[in-house]
Protein backbone atom coordinates (compact mmCIF):
# COMPACT_ATOMS: atom_id res chain seq x y z
CA MET A 1 -15.57 -2.26 -2.36
CA THR A 2 -16.55 -2.03 1.31
CA LYS A 3 -15.14 -5.41 2.27
CA THR A 4 -12.01 -4.72 0.25
CA HIS A 5 -11.62 -1.38 2.02
CA PHE A 6 -11.49 -2.99 5.45
CA ILE A 7 -9.35 -5.95 4.39
CA ILE A 8 -6.75 -3.99 2.42
CA ASP A 9 -7.04 -0.23 2.95
CA VAL A 10 -7.09 -0.19 6.75
CA PRO A 11 -3.96 -2.36 7.17
CA LEU A 12 -2.35 -0.39 4.33
CA MET A 13 -2.98 2.88 6.15
CA ALA A 14 -1.62 1.44 9.41
CA LEU A 15 1.52 0.12 7.73
CA THR A 16 2.01 3.40 5.89
CA LEU A 17 1.81 5.24 9.20
CA LEU A 18 4.39 2.89 10.73
CA GLN A 19 6.66 3.32 7.73
CA GLY A 20 6.32 7.09 8.00
CA ILE A 21 7.28 6.94 11.68
CA SER A 22 10.30 4.80 10.86
CA GLU A 23 11.34 7.25 8.13
CA ILE A 24 11.12 10.15 10.57
CA VAL A 25 13.24 8.24 13.08
CA LEU A 26 15.76 7.44 10.35
CA LEU A 27 15.97 11.08 9.32
CA VAL A 28 16.07 12.60 12.80
CA GLY A 29 18.05 10.01 14.72
CA SER A 30 20.71 8.80 12.35
CA ASN A 31 23.60 9.80 10.23
CA ASP A 32 25.14 7.72 7.45
CA SER A 33 26.65 5.12 9.76
CA THR A 34 24.42 4.79 12.85
CA TYR A 35 20.78 3.98 13.42
CA ILE A 36 18.62 4.08 16.52
CA GLY A 37 18.17 0.55 17.82
CA ILE A 38 15.03 -0.47 19.69
CA GLY A 39 14.78 -3.93 21.22
CA GLY A 40 17.86 -5.10 19.37
CA TYR A 41 16.42 -4.18 15.95
CA GLU A 42 17.78 -1.28 14.00
CA TRP A 43 15.21 1.09 12.55
CA LYS A 44 16.78 0.60 9.12
CA TYR A 45 15.69 -3.03 9.09
CA ILE A 46 12.30 -2.26 10.65
CA HIS A 47 11.71 0.26 7.86
CA GLU A 48 12.60 -2.33 5.21
CA ILE A 49 10.44 -5.04 6.83
CA ILE A 50 7.45 -2.67 7.01
CA GLY A 51 7.93 -1.63 3.38
CA ILE A 52 7.46 -5.17 2.01
CA PRO A 53 3.86 -5.69 3.29
CA ILE A 54 2.96 -2.19 2.08
CA MET A 55 3.99 -3.12 -1.46
CA ILE A 56 2.10 -6.45 -1.26
CA LEU A 57 -1.06 -4.75 0.04
CA PHE A 58 -0.80 -1.99 -2.54
CA THR A 59 -0.50 -4.59 -5.31
CA LEU A 60 -3.55 -6.48 -4.00
CA HIS A 61 -5.49 -3.24 -3.76
CA PHE A 62 -4.57 -2.31 -7.33
CA ILE A 63 -5.70 -5.73 -8.60
CA GLU A 64 -9.02 -5.41 -6.74
CA TYR A 65 -9.50 -1.91 -8.12
CA CYS A 66 -8.83 -3.13 -11.68
CA LYS A 67 -11.42 -5.91 -11.23
CA TRP A 68 -13.94 -3.40 -9.88
CA PHE A 69 -13.23 -0.95 -12.71
CA ILE A 70 -13.66 -3.64 -15.38
CA ASN A 71 -16.95 -4.80 -13.83
CA GLU A 72 -18.27 -1.23 -13.60
CA THR A 73 -17.29 -0.20 -17.12
CA LYS A 74 -17.88 -3.34 -19.20
CA ASP A 75 -21.54 -2.40 -19.76
CA VAL A 76 -20.53 1.09 -20.87
CA PHE A 77 -18.10 -0.27 -23.44
CA ARG A 78 -20.59 -2.90 -24.61
CA ILE A 79 -23.35 -0.31 -25.09
CA GLY A 80 -20.96 1.99 -26.96
CA LEU A 81 -19.87 -0.87 -29.22
CA PHE A 82 -23.43 -1.80 -30.17
CA ASP A 83 -24.38 1.84 -30.73
CA SER A 84 -21.58 2.25 -33.25
CA VAL A 85 -22.77 -0.83 -35.21
């Protein structure tokens, strides 16, 4: 899981941090109709753009974790099955 950690977890943490910052800016610097704009981009859209890669990375991480869990536990289930027979 070490390689997976650096490929998926580190970018996931960075994107989560960026999304958190954008949420704070949305909460502090906006009301229902206005958003703080930086470089021509509104924070609302930055927040949505950042959220998409987070969901993709989270899905990839979940798939990798499921593969790891199956590989780690298949021997346990196999041993238990043969013991019961």
